PDB file of N, CA and C in Angstrom:
ATOM      1  N   MET A   1     -14.778   2.087  -2.619  1.00  0.00           N
ATOM      2  CA  MET A   1     -14.988   3.511  -2.589  1.00  0.00           C
ATOM      3  C   MET A   1     -16.176   3.827  -1.703  1.00  0.00           C
ATOM      4  N   GLY A   2     -16.172   5.020  -1.202  1.00  0.00           N
ATOM      5  CA  GLY A   2     -17.213   5.427  -0.280  1.00  0.00           C
ATOM      6  C   GLY A   2     -18.362   6.143  -0.959  1.00  0.00           C
ATOM      7  N   ILE A   3     -19.164   6.775  -0.141  1.00  0.00           N
ATOM      8  CA  ILE A   3     -20.344   7.465  -0.645  1.00  0.00           C
ATOM      9  C   ILE A   3     -20.194   8.973  -0.533  1.00  0.00           C
ATOM     10  N   GLY A   4     -18.971   9.434  -0.256  1.00  0.00           N
ATOM     11  CA  GLY A   4     -18.734  10.847  -0.019  1.00  0.00           C
ATOM     12  C   GLY A   4     -18.651  11.672  -1.283  1.00  0.00           C
ATOM     13  N   ASP A   5     -18.562  12.973  -1.063  1.00  0.00           N
ATOM     14  CA  ASP A   5     -18.442  13.924  -2.155  1.00  0.00           C
ATOM     15  C   ASP A   5     -16.976  14.275  -2.365  1.00  0.00           C
ATOM     16  N   LEU A   6     -16.662  14.712  -3.568  1.00  0.00           N
ATOM     17  CA  LEU A   6     -15.308  15.153  -3.888  1.00  0.00           C
ATOM     18  C   LEU A   6     -15.047  16.459  -3.158  1.00  0.00           C
ATOM     19  N   THR A   7     -13.974  16.496  -2.355  1.00  0.00           N
ATOM     20  CA  THR A   7     -13.689  17.692  -1.565  1.00  0.00           C
ATOM     21  C   THR A   7     -12.443  18.438  -2.029  1.00  0.00           C
ATOM     22  N   HIS A   8     -11.486  17.706  -2.620  1.00  0.00           N
ATOM     23  CA  HIS A   8     -10.233  18.369  -2.981  1.00  0.00           C
ATOM     24  C   HIS A   8      -9.595  17.640  -4.165  1.00  0.00           C
ATOM     25  N   THR A   9      -9.036  18.437  -5.058  1.00  0.00           N
ATOM     26  CA  THR A   9      -8.287  17.896  -6.185  1.00  0.00           C
ATOM     27  C   THR A   9      -6.918  18.544  -6.196  1.00  0.00           C
ATOM     28  N   SER A  10      -5.878  17.727  -6.352  1.00  0.00           N
ATOM     29  CA  SER A  10      -4.528  18.289  -6.424  1.00  0.00           C
ATOM     30  C   SER A  10      -3.741  17.621  -7.548  1.00  0.00           C
ATOM     31  N   HIS A  11      -2.775  18.356  -8.048  1.00  0.00           N
ATOM     32  CA  HIS A  11      -1.917  17.861  -9.120  1.00  0.00           C
ATOM     33  C   HIS A  11      -0.555  17.549  -8.513  1.00  0.00           C
ATOM     34  N   LEU A  12      -0.099  16.298  -8.644  1.00  0.00           N
ATOM     35  CA  LEU A  12       1.171  15.870  -8.066  1.00  0.00           C
ATOM     36  C   LEU A  12       2.264  15.845  -9.131  1.00  0.00           C
ATOM     37  N   GLU A  13       3.342  16.544  -8.853  1.00  0.00           N
ATOM     38  CA  GLU A  13       4.516  16.509  -9.728  1.00  0.00           C
ATOM     39  C   GLU A  13       5.603  15.625  -9.127  1.00  0.00           C
ATOM     40  N   SER A  14       5.656  15.548  -7.786  1.00  0.00           N
ATOM     41  CA  SER A  14       6.640  14.712  -7.103  1.00  0.00           C
ATOM     42  C   SER A  14       6.066  14.276  -5.756  1.00  0.00           C
ATOM     43  N   THR A  15       6.592  13.162  -5.241  1.00  0.00           N
ATOM     44  CA  THR A  15       6.173  12.663  -3.932  1.00  0.00           C
ATOM     45  C   THR A  15       7.407  12.243  -3.146  1.00  0.00           C
ATOM     46  N   GLY A  16       7.271  12.209  -1.830  1.00  0.00           N
ATOM     47  CA  GLY A  16       8.362  11.796  -0.964  1.00  0.00           C
ATOM     48  C   GLY A  16       8.323  10.298  -0.697  1.00  0.00           C
ATOM     49  N   PRO A  17       9.321   9.800   0.058  1.00  0.00           N
ATOM     50  CA  PRO A  17       9.376   8.365   0.329  1.00  0.00           C
ATOM     51  C   PRO A  17       8.258   7.858   1.235  1.00  0.00           C
ATOM     52  N   HIS A  18       7.628   8.751   1.999  1.00  0.00           N
ATOM     53  CA  HIS A  18       6.553   8.326   2.898  1.00  0.00           C
ATOM     54  C   HIS A  18       5.168   8.695   2.381  1.00  0.00           C
ATOM     55  N   HIS A  19       5.096   9.202   1.180  1.00  0.00           N
ATOM     56  CA  HIS A  19       3.801   9.545   0.599  1.00  0.00           C
ATOM     57  C   HIS A  19       3.072   8.267   0.225  1.00  0.00           C
ATOM     58  N   GLU A  20       1.752   8.261   0.347  1.00  0.00           N
ATOM     59  CA  GLU A  20       0.997   7.048   0.055  1.00  0.00           C
ATOM     60  C   GLU A  20       0.981   6.708  -1.433  1.00  0.00           C
ATOM     61  N   TYR A  21       1.399   7.615  -2.285  1.00  0.00           N
ATOM     62  CA  TYR A  21       1.469   7.358  -3.730  1.00  0.00           C
ATOM     63  C   TYR A  21       2.916   7.220  -4.188  1.00  0.00           C
ATOM     64  N   ARG A  22       3.789   6.734  -3.310  1.00  0.00           N
ATOM     65  CA  ARG A  22       5.186   6.573  -3.700  1.00  0.00           C
ATOM     66  C   ARG A  22       5.295   5.510  -4.794  1.00  0.00           C
ATOM     67  N   ASN A  23       6.239   5.689  -5.661  1.00  0.00           N
ATOM     68  CA  ASN A  23       6.514   4.789  -6.789  1.00  0.00           C
ATOM     69  C   ASN A  23       5.387   4.750  -7.818  1.00  0.00           C
ATOM     70  N   GLY A  24       4.482   5.698  -7.773  1.00  0.00           N
ATOM     71  CA  GLY A  24       3.421   5.755  -8.772  1.00  0.00           C
ATOM     72  C   GLY A  24       3.861   6.607  -9.955  1.00  0.00           C
ATOM     73  N   SER A  25       3.170   6.455 -11.081  1.00  0.00           N
ATOM     74  CA  SER A  25       3.547   7.235 -12.258  1.00  0.00           C
ATOM     75  C   SER A  25       3.139   8.695 -12.054  1.00  0.00           C
ATOM     76  N   LEU A  26       4.081   9.576 -12.312  1.00  0.00           N
ATOM     77  CA  LEU A  26       3.859  11.009 -12.147  1.00  0.00           C
ATOM     78  C   LEU A  26       4.031  11.690 -13.497  1.00  0.00           C
ATOM     79  N   PRO A  27       3.374  12.785 -13.733  1.00  0.00           N
ATOM     80  CA  PRO A  27       2.450  13.505 -12.861  1.00  0.00           C
ATOM     81  C   PRO A  27       1.097  12.800 -12.771  1.00  0.00           C
ATOM     82  N   ALA A  28       0.373  13.145 -11.712  1.00  0.00           N
ATOM     83  CA  ALA A  28      -0.931  12.515 -11.477  1.00  0.00           C
ATOM     84  C   ALA A  28      -1.843  13.492 -10.740  1.00  0.00           C
ATOM     85  N   TYR A  29      -3.124  13.201 -10.820  1.00  0.00           N
ATOM     86  CA  TYR A  29      -4.115  13.957 -10.060  1.00  0.00           C
ATOM     87  C   TYR A  29      -4.539  13.130  -8.848  1.00  0.00           C
ATOM     88  N   ALA A  30      -4.762  13.801  -7.743  1.00  0.00           N
ATOM     89  CA  ALA A  30      -5.261  13.152  -6.523  1.00  0.00           C
ATOM     90  C   ALA A  30      -6.638  13.727  -6.219  1.00  0.00           C
ATOM     91  N   PHE A  31      -7.627  12.853  -6.158  1.00  0.00           N
ATOM     92  CA  PHE A  31      -8.996  13.258  -5.847  1.00  0.00           C
ATOM     93  C   PHE A  31      -9.337  12.769  -4.445  1.00  0.00           C
ATOM     94  N   THR A  32      -9.660  13.693  -3.552  1.00  0.00           N
ATOM     95  CA  THR A  32      -9.953  13.366  -2.160  1.00  0.00           C
ATOM     96  C   THR A  32     -11.455  13.455  -1.920  1.00  0.00           C
ATOM     97  N   PHE A  33     -11.990  12.442  -1.234  1.00  0.00           N
ATOM     98  CA  PHE A  33     -13.418  12.379  -0.930  1.00  0.00           C
ATOM     99  C   PHE A  33     -13.635  12.481   0.574  1.00  0.00           C
ATOM    100  N   ASP A  34     -14.837  12.896   0.975  1.00  0.00           N
ATOM    101  CA  ASP A  34     -15.139  13.051   2.403  1.00  0.00           C
ATOM    102  C   ASP A  34     -15.947  11.879   2.966  1.00  0.00           C
ATOM    103  N   ASP A  35     -15.726  10.691   2.424  1.00  0.00           N
ATOM    104  CA  ASP A  35     -16.425   9.508   2.928  1.00  0.00           C
ATOM    105  C   ASP A  35     -15.774   9.037   4.237  1.00  0.00           C
ATOM    106  N   PRO A  36     -16.412   8.120   4.966  1.00  0.00           N
ATOM    107  CA  PRO A  36     -15.861   7.658   6.246  1.00  0.00           C
ATOM    108  C   PRO A  36     -14.484   6.995   6.130  1.00  0.00           C
ATOM    109  N   ARG A  37     -14.163   6.441   4.973  1.00  0.00           N
ATOM    110  CA  ARG A  37     -12.862   5.780   4.801  1.00  0.00           C
ATOM    111  C   ARG A  37     -11.766   6.729   4.322  1.00  0.00           C
ATOM    112  N   ARG A  38     -12.088   8.008   4.136  1.00  0.00           N
ATOM    113  CA  ARG A  38     -11.137   9.015   3.656  1.00  0.00           C
ATOM    114  C   ARG A  38     -10.451   8.548   2.362  1.00  0.00           C
ATOM    115  N   THR A  39     -11.251   8.228   1.385  1.00  0.00           N
ATOM    116  CA  THR A  39     -10.769   7.693   0.115  1.00  0.00           C
ATOM    117  C   THR A  39     -10.050   8.761  -0.703  1.00  0.00           C
ATOM    118  N   ARG A  40      -8.970   8.347  -1.324  1.00  0.00           N
ATOM    119  CA  ARG A  40      -8.234   9.203  -2.249  1.00  0.00           C
ATOM    120  C   ARG A  40      -7.922   8.372  -3.492  1.00  0.00           C
ATOM    121  N   ILE A  41      -8.245   8.915  -4.660  1.00  0.00           N
ATOM    122  CA  ILE A  41      -8.020   8.233  -5.927  1.00  0.00           C
ATOM    123  C   ILE A  41      -6.939   8.991  -6.692  1.00  0.00           C
ATOM    124  N   TYR A  42      -5.981   8.229  -7.244  1.00  0.00           N
ATOM    125  CA  TYR A  42      -4.903   8.811  -8.033  1.00  0.00           C
ATOM    126  C   TYR A  42      -5.102   8.423  -9.495  1.00  0.00           C
ATOM    127  N   VAL A  43      -5.041   9.445 -10.365  1.00  0.00           N
ATOM    128  CA  VAL A  43      -5.247   9.245 -11.799  1.00  0.00           C
ATOM    129  C   VAL A  43      -4.037   9.786 -12.545  1.00  0.00           C
ATOM    130  N   SER A  44      -3.471   8.954 -13.427  1.00  0.00           N
ATOM    131  CA  SER A  44      -2.326   9.357 -14.228  1.00  0.00           C
ATOM    132  C   SER A  44      -2.738  10.416 -15.240  1.00  0.00           C
ATOM    133  N   THR A  45      -1.962  11.481 -15.336  1.00  0.00           N
ATOM    134  CA  THR A  45      -2.293  12.536 -16.303  1.00  0.00           C
ATOM    135  C   THR A  45      -1.911  12.128 -17.722  1.00  0.00           C
ATOM    136  N   GLU A  46      -0.931  11.239 -17.855  1.00  0.00           N
ATOM    137  CA  GLU A  46      -0.504  10.817 -19.189  1.00  0.00           C
ATOM    138  C   GLU A  46      -1.486   9.838 -19.827  1.00  0.00           C
ATOM    139  N   ARG A  47      -1.968   8.883 -19.043  1.00  0.00           N
ATOM    140  CA  ARG A  47      -2.851   7.851 -19.583  1.00  0.00           C
ATOM    141  C   ARG A  47      -4.327   8.122 -19.299  1.00  0.00           C
ATOM    142  N   GLY A  48      -4.598   8.914 -18.282  1.00  0.00           N
ATOM    143  CA  GLY A  48      -5.981   9.190 -17.917  1.00  0.00           C
ATOM    144  C   GLY A  48      -6.662   8.034 -17.220  1.00  0.00           C
ATOM    145  N   THR A  49      -5.884   7.119 -16.651  1.00  0.00           N
ATOM    146  CA  THR A  49      -6.441   5.955 -15.961  1.00  0.00           C
ATOM    147  C   THR A  49      -6.170   6.042 -14.467  1.00  0.00           C
ATOM    148  N   MET A  50      -7.014   5.392 -13.709  1.00  0.00           N
ATOM    149  CA  MET A  50      -6.826   5.343 -12.268  1.00  0.00           C
ATOM    150  C   MET A  50      -5.653   4.423 -11.962  1.00  0.00           C
ATOM    151  N   THR A  51      -4.656   4.943 -11.271  1.00  0.00           N
ATOM    152  CA  THR A  51      -3.457   4.149 -10.984  1.00  0.00           C
ATOM    153  C   THR A  51      -3.488   3.549  -9.586  1.00  0.00           C
ATOM    154  N   SER A  52      -4.140   4.191  -8.645  1.00  0.00           N
ATOM    155  CA  SER A  52      -4.268   3.597  -7.316  1.00  0.00           C
ATOM    156  C   SER A  52      -5.402   4.249  -6.544  1.00  0.00           C
ATOM    157  N   LEU A  53      -5.846   3.511  -5.538  1.00  0.00           N
ATOM    158  CA  LEU A  53      -6.921   3.953  -4.659  1.00  0.00           C
ATOM    159  C   LEU A  53      -6.434   3.743  -3.230  1.00  0.00           C
ATOM    160  N   ARG A  54      -6.493   4.760  -2.424  1.00  0.00           N
ATOM    161  CA  ARG A  54      -6.034   4.667  -1.039  1.00  0.00           C
ATOM    162  C   ARG A  54      -7.168   5.061  -0.101  1.00  0.00           C
ATOM    163  N   ASN A  55      -7.281   4.318   1.011  1.00  0.00           N
ATOM    164  CA  ASN A  55      -8.268   4.642   2.029  1.00  0.00           C
ATOM    165  C   ASN A  55      -7.699   4.291   3.405  1.00  0.00           C
ATOM    166  N   SER A  56      -8.495   4.413   4.442  1.00  0.00           N
ATOM    167  CA  SER A  56      -8.020   4.193   5.812  1.00  0.00           C
ATOM    168  C   SER A  56      -7.488   2.783   6.024  1.00  0.00           C
ATOM    169  N   LYS A  57      -8.174   1.789   5.480  1.00  0.00           N
ATOM    170  CA  LYS A  57      -7.721   0.411   5.644  1.00  0.00           C
ATOM    171  C   LYS A  57      -6.366   0.196   4.981  1.00  0.00           C
ATOM    172  N   TRP A  58      -6.145   0.787   3.813  1.00  0.00           N
ATOM    173  CA  TRP A  58      -4.857   0.657   3.151  1.00  0.00           C
ATOM    174  C   TRP A  58      -3.768   1.323   3.972  1.00  0.00           C
ATOM    175  N   ARG A  59      -4.072   2.478   4.576  1.00  0.00           N
ATOM    176  CA  ARG A  59      -3.067   3.186   5.372  1.00  0.00           C
ATOM    177  C   ARG A  59      -2.671   2.378   6.600  1.00  0.00           C
ATOM    178  N   ILE A  60      -3.627   1.690   7.216  1.00  0.00           N
ATOM    179  CA  ILE A  60      -3.315   0.817   8.361  1.00  0.00           C
ATOM    180  C   ILE A  60      -2.454  -0.349   7.893  1.00  0.00           C
ATOM    181  N   PHE A  61      -2.823  -0.956   6.764  1.00  0.00           N
ATOM    182  CA  PHE A  61      -2.032  -2.047   6.194  1.00  0.00           C
ATOM    183  C   PHE A  61      -0.604  -1.585   5.894  1.00  0.00           C
ATOM    184  N   ASP A  62      -0.458  -0.405   5.311  1.00  0.00           N
ATOM    185  CA  ASP A  62       0.858   0.112   4.954  1.00  0.00           C
ATOM    186  C   ASP A  62       1.714   0.326   6.204  1.00  0.00           C
ATOM    187  N   PHE A  63       1.114   0.829   7.265  1.00  0.00           N
ATOM    188  CA  PHE A  63       1.841   1.036   8.521  1.00  0.00           C
ATOM    189  C   PHE A  63       2.286  -0.295   9.117  1.00  0.00           C
ATOM    190  N   LEU A  64       1.396  -1.272   9.159  1.00  0.00           N
ATOM    191  CA  LEU A  64       1.747  -2.579   9.716  1.00  0.00           C
ATOM    192  C   LEU A  64       2.781  -3.297   8.854  1.00  0.00           C
ATOM    193  N   ARG A  65       2.703  -3.138   7.551  1.00  0.00           N
ATOM    194  CA  ARG A  65       3.710  -3.736   6.669  1.00  0.00           C
ATOM    195  C   ARG A  65       5.071  -3.099   6.900  1.00  0.00           C
ATOM    196  N   MET A  66       5.088  -1.782   7.134  1.00  0.00           N
ATOM    197  CA  MET A  66       6.341  -1.101   7.436  1.00  0.00           C
ATOM    198  C   MET A  66       6.962  -1.675   8.703  1.00  0.00           C
ATOM    199  N   LEU A  67       6.148  -1.926   9.729  1.00  0.00           N
ATOM    200  CA  LEU A  67       6.661  -2.518  10.960  1.00  0.00           C
ATOM    201  C   LEU A  67       7.141  -3.941  10.726  1.00  0.00           C
ATOM    202  N   HIS A  68       6.437  -4.680   9.892  1.00  0.00           N
ATOM    203  CA  HIS A  68       6.793  -6.066   9.630  1.00  0.00           C
ATOM    204  C   HIS A  68       8.113  -6.181   8.866  1.00  0.00           C
ATOM    205  N   THR A  69       8.294  -5.358   7.832  1.00  0.00           N
ATOM    206  CA  THR A  69       9.518  -5.418   7.041  1.00  0.00           C
ATOM    207  C   THR A  69      10.656  -4.637   7.674  1.00  0.00           C
ATOM    208  N   MET A  70      10.376  -3.878   8.697  1.00  0.00           N
ATOM    209  CA  MET A  70      11.364  -3.075   9.420  1.00  0.00           C
ATOM    210  C   MET A  70      12.080  -2.089   8.500  1.00  0.00           C
ATOM    211  N   ASP A  71      11.390  -1.603   7.498  1.00  0.00           N
ATOM    212  CA  ASP A  71      11.940  -0.588   6.606  1.00  0.00           C
ATOM    213  C   ASP A  71      11.243   0.727   6.913  1.00  0.00           C
ATOM    214  N   TYR A  72      11.845   1.513   7.770  1.00  0.00           N
ATOM    215  CA  TYR A  72      11.217   2.745   8.224  1.00  0.00           C
ATOM    216  C   TYR A  72      11.533   3.925   7.316  1.00  0.00           C
ATOM    217  N   ALA A  73      12.450   3.758   6.379  1.00  0.00           N
ATOM    218  CA  ALA A  73      12.821   4.851   5.490  1.00  0.00           C
ATOM    219  C   ALA A  73      11.945   4.875   4.239  1.00  0.00           C
ATOM    220  N   GLY A  74      11.843   3.746   3.540  1.00  0.00           N
ATOM    221  CA  GLY A  74      11.095   3.737   2.295  1.00  0.00           C
ATOM    222  C   GLY A  74       9.869   2.854   2.307  1.00  0.00           C
ATOM    223  N   ARG A  75       9.751   1.980   3.296  1.00  0.00           N
ATOM    224  CA  ARG A  75       8.609   1.092   3.527  1.00  0.00           C
ATOM    225  C   ARG A  75       8.455  -0.062   2.544  1.00  0.00           C
ATOM    226  N   ASP A  76       9.278  -0.133   1.511  1.00  0.00           N
ATOM    227  CA  ASP A  76       9.090  -1.187   0.515  1.00  0.00           C
ATOM    228  C   ASP A  76      10.270  -2.141   0.389  1.00  0.00           C
ATOM    229  N   ASN A  77      11.376  -1.870   1.055  1.00  0.00           N
ATOM    230  CA  ASN A  77      12.570  -2.697   0.936  1.00  0.00           C
ATOM    231  C   ASN A  77      12.654  -3.654   2.120  1.00  0.00           C
ATOM    232  N   PHE A  78      12.510  -4.940   1.864  1.00  0.00           N
ATOM    233  CA  PHE A  78      12.622  -5.901   2.956  1.00  0.00           C
ATOM    234  C   PHE A  78      14.000  -6.548   3.000  1.00  0.00           C
ATOM    235  N   ASN A  79      14.949  -6.047   2.211  1.00  0.00           N
ATOM    236  CA  ASN A  79      16.329  -6.529   2.251  1.00  0.00           C
ATOM    237  C   ASN A  79      17.229  -5.483   2.905  1.00  0.00           C
ATOM    238  N   ASN A  80      16.759  -4.903   3.987  1.00  0.00           N
ATOM    239  CA  ASN A  80      17.555  -3.871   4.636  1.00  0.00           C
ATOM    240  C   ASN A  80      18.467  -4.472   5.712  1.00  0.00           C
ATOM    241  N   THR A  81      19.418  -3.690   6.169  1.00  0.00           N
ATOM    242  CA  THR A  81      20.425  -4.146   7.130  1.00  0.00           C
ATOM    243  C   THR A  81      19.803  -4.541   8.464  1.00  0.00           C
ATOM    244  N   LEU A  82      18.830  -3.768   8.929  1.00  0.00           N
ATOM    245  CA  LEU A  82      18.210  -4.057  10.220  1.00  0.00           C
ATOM    246  C   LEU A  82      17.524  -5.420  10.214  1.00  0.00           C
ATOM    247  N   LEU A  83      16.770  -5.710   9.194  1.00  0.00           N
ATOM    248  CA  LEU A  83      16.070  -6.992   9.106  1.00  0.00           C
ATOM    249  C   LEU A  83      17.051  -8.146   8.933  1.00  0.00           C
ATOM    250  N   THR A  84      18.085  -7.943   8.141  1.00  0.00           N
ATOM    251  CA  THR A  84      19.102  -8.980   7.957  1.00  0.00           C
ATOM    252  C   THR A  84      19.808  -9.294   9.268  1.00  0.00           C
ATOM    253  N   THR A  85      20.142  -8.258  10.031  1.00  0.00           N
ATOM    254  CA  THR A  85      20.806  -8.444  11.331  1.00  0.00           C
ATOM    255  C   THR A  85      19.928  -9.243  12.288  1.00  0.00           C
ATOM    256  N   PHE A  86      18.666  -8.875  12.395  1.00  0.00           N
ATOM    257  CA  PHE A  86      17.762  -9.598  13.296  1.00  0.00           C
ATOM    258  C   PHE A  86      17.510 -11.029  12.811  1.00  0.00           C
ATOM    259  N   SER A  87      17.513 -11.248  11.507  1.00  0.00           N
ATOM    260  CA  SER A  87      17.347 -12.608  10.983  1.00  0.00           C
ATOM    261  C   SER A  87      18.538 -13.482  11.348  1.00  0.00           C
ATOM    262  N   ILE A  88      19.739 -12.945  11.219  1.00  0.00           N
ATOM    263  CA  ILE A  88      20.939 -13.702  11.583  1.00  0.00           C
ATOM    264  C   ILE A  88      20.953 -13.987  13.083  1.00  0.00           C
ATOM    265  N   LEU A  89      20.589 -13.004  13.898  1.00  0.00           N
ATOM    266  CA  LEU A  89      20.524 -13.228  15.352  1.00  0.00           C
ATOM    267  C   LEU A  89      19.467 -14.280  15.699  1.00  0.00           C
ATOM    268  N   GLY A  90      18.357 -14.270  14.989  1.00  0.00           N
ATOM    269  CA  GLY A  90      17.316 -15.280  15.218  1.00  0.00           C
ATOM    270  C   GLY A  90      17.793 -16.673  14.860  1.00  0.00           C
ATOM    271  N   LEU A  91      18.490 -16.799  13.739  1.00  0.00           N
ATOM    272  CA  LEU A  91      19.031 -18.100  13.349  1.00  0.00           C
ATOM    273  C   LEU A  91      20.084 -18.587  14.347  1.00  0.00           C
ATOM    274  N   ALA A  92      20.917 -17.662  14.847  1.00  0.00           N
ATOM    275  CA  ALA A  92      21.917 -18.038  15.851  1.00  0.00           C
ATOM    276  C   ALA A  92      21.244 -18.509  17.139  1.00  0.00           C
ATOM    277  N   THR A  93      20.171 -17.853  17.536  1.00  0.00           N
ATOM    278  CA  THR A  93      19.441 -18.245  18.741  1.00  0.00           C
ATOM    279  C   THR A  93      18.818 -19.631  18.579  1.00  0.00           C
ATOM    280  N   ILE A  94      18.204 -19.882  17.439  1.00  0.00           N
ATOM    281  CA  ILE A  94      17.593 -21.187  17.177  1.00  0.00           C
ATOM    282  C   ILE A  94      18.654 -22.283  17.134  1.00  0.00           C
ATOM    283  N   SER A  95      19.774 -21.992  16.478  1.00  0.00           N
ATOM    284  CA  SER A  95      20.859 -22.979  16.392  1.00  0.00           C
ATOM    285  C   SER A  95      21.413 -23.312  17.768  1.00  0.00           C
ATOM    286  N   SER A  96      21.592 -22.302  18.601  1.00  0.00           N
ATOM    287  CA  SER A  96      22.101 -22.573  19.952  1.00  0.00           C
ATOM    288  C   SER A  96      21.084 -23.370  20.762  1.00  0.00           C
ATOM    289  N   GLY A  97      19.810 -23.161  20.531  1.00  0.00           N
ATOM    290  CA  GLY A  97      18.784 -23.943  21.216  1.00  0.00           C
ATOM    291  C   GLY A  97      18.833 -25.407  20.815  1.00  0.00           C
ATOM    292  N   PHE A  98      18.984 -25.678  19.521  1.00  0.00           N
ATOM    293  CA  PHE A  98      19.129 -27.063  19.072  1.00  0.00           C
ATOM    294  C   PHE A  98      20.386 -27.708  19.639  1.00  0.00           C
ATOM    295  N   LEU A  99      21.488 -26.956  19.656  1.00  0.00           N
ATOM    296  CA  LEU A  99      22.738 -27.475  20.194  1.00  0.00           C
ATOM    297  C   LEU A  99      22.591 -27.820  21.674  1.00  0.00           C
ATOM    298  N   LEU A 100      21.970 -26.949  22.430  1.00  0.00           N
ATOM    299  CA  LEU A 100      21.745 -27.230  23.858  1.00  0.00           C
ATOM    300  C   LEU A 100      20.825 -28.431  24.046  1.00  0.00           C
ATOM    301  N   PHE A 101      19.848 -28.594  23.192  1.00  0.00           N
ATOM    302  CA  PHE A 101      18.949 -29.748  23.286  1.00  0.00           C
ATOM    303  C   PHE A 101      19.716 -31.043  23.051  1.00  0.00           C
ATOM    304  N   VAL A 102      20.562 -31.065  22.034  1.00  0.00           N
ATOM    305  CA  VAL A 102      21.337 -32.269  21.730  1.00  0.00           C
ATOM    306  C   VAL A 102      22.305 -32.585  22.861  1.00  0.00           C
ATOM    307  N   ILE A 103      22.961 -31.594  23.386  1.00  0.00           N
ATOM    308  CA  ILE A 103      23.931 -31.802  24.468  1.00  0.00           C
ATOM    309  C   ILE A 103      23.253 -32.325  25.723  1.00  0.00           C
ATOM    310  N   THR A 104      22.122 -31.773  26.077  1.00  0.00           N
ATOM    311  CA  THR A 104      21.468 -32.144  27.347  1.00  0.00           C
ATOM    312  C   THR A 104      20.569 -33.359  27.222  1.00  0.00           C
ATOM    313  N   SER A 105      20.263 -33.838  26.034  1.00  0.00           N
ATOM    314  CA  SER A 105      19.353 -34.984  25.914  1.00  0.00           C
ATOM    315  C   SER A 105      20.091 -36.308  25.700  1.00  0.00           C
ATOM    316  N   ARG A 106      21.399 -36.338  25.784  1.00  0.00           N
ATOM    317  CA  ARG A 106      22.149 -37.582  25.687  1.00  0.00           C
ATOM    318  C   ARG A 106      21.860 -38.428  26.909  1.00  0.00           C
ATOM    319  N   PRO A 107      21.739 -39.732  26.704  1.00  0.00           N
ATOM    320  CA  PRO A 107      21.497 -40.587  27.872  1.00  0.00           C
ATOM    321  C   PRO A 107      22.709 -40.567  28.807  1.00  0.00           C
ATOM    322  N   ARG A 108      22.433 -40.471  30.066  1.00  0.00           N
ATOM    323  CA  ARG A 108      23.503 -40.418  31.078  1.00  0.00           C
ATOM    324  C   ARG A 108      23.772 -41.799  31.623  1.00  0.00           C
ATOM    325  N   LYS A 109      25.011 -42.032  31.911  1.00  0.00           N
ATOM    326  CA  LYS A 109      25.396 -43.311  32.518  1.00  0.00           C
ATOM    327  C   LYS A 109      25.122 -43.253  34.004  1.00  0.00           C
ATOM    328  N   ARG A 110      24.531 -44.316  34.508  1.00  0.00           N
ATOM    329  CA  ARG A 110      24.248 -44.366  35.933  1.00  0.00           C
ATOM    330  C   ARG A 110      25.397 -45.065  36.668  1.00  0.00           C
ATOM    331  N   HIS A 111      25.751 -44.499  37.730  1.00  0.00           N
ATOM    332  CA  HIS A 111      26.789 -45.107  38.562  1.00  0.00           C
ATOM    333  C   HIS A 111      26.131 -45.955  39.629  1.00  0.00           C
ATOM    334  N   SER A 112      26.578 -47.193  39.731  1.00  0.00           N
ATOM    335  CA  SER A 112      25.969 -48.100  40.706  1.00  0.00           C
ATOM    336  C   SER A 112      26.680 -48.065  42.023  1.00  0.00           C
TER     337      SER A 112
END
């Protein structure tokens, strides 16, 4: 957490698939601070406990993870069609490389 002051409080009833508090327990309060890391704390209204903490570093991590898993819709599913397709193409490429290596590395007979 940073050293900033509380600047905004909001009550969340629902979130979208690209919201940084997706899959969190709702309803919740979001407390926004004006520190250099742009910290936001989410607190469950039912339990009164902090459920998650988000800041700039987490947002960068979340973006890079989205690129890594290739899930641009929900960001959390790594069993999507796009990733499966590229995995199969990668395995086919590697297999063809091994096959070409075996074919071309056989000892050749020399003609005298």
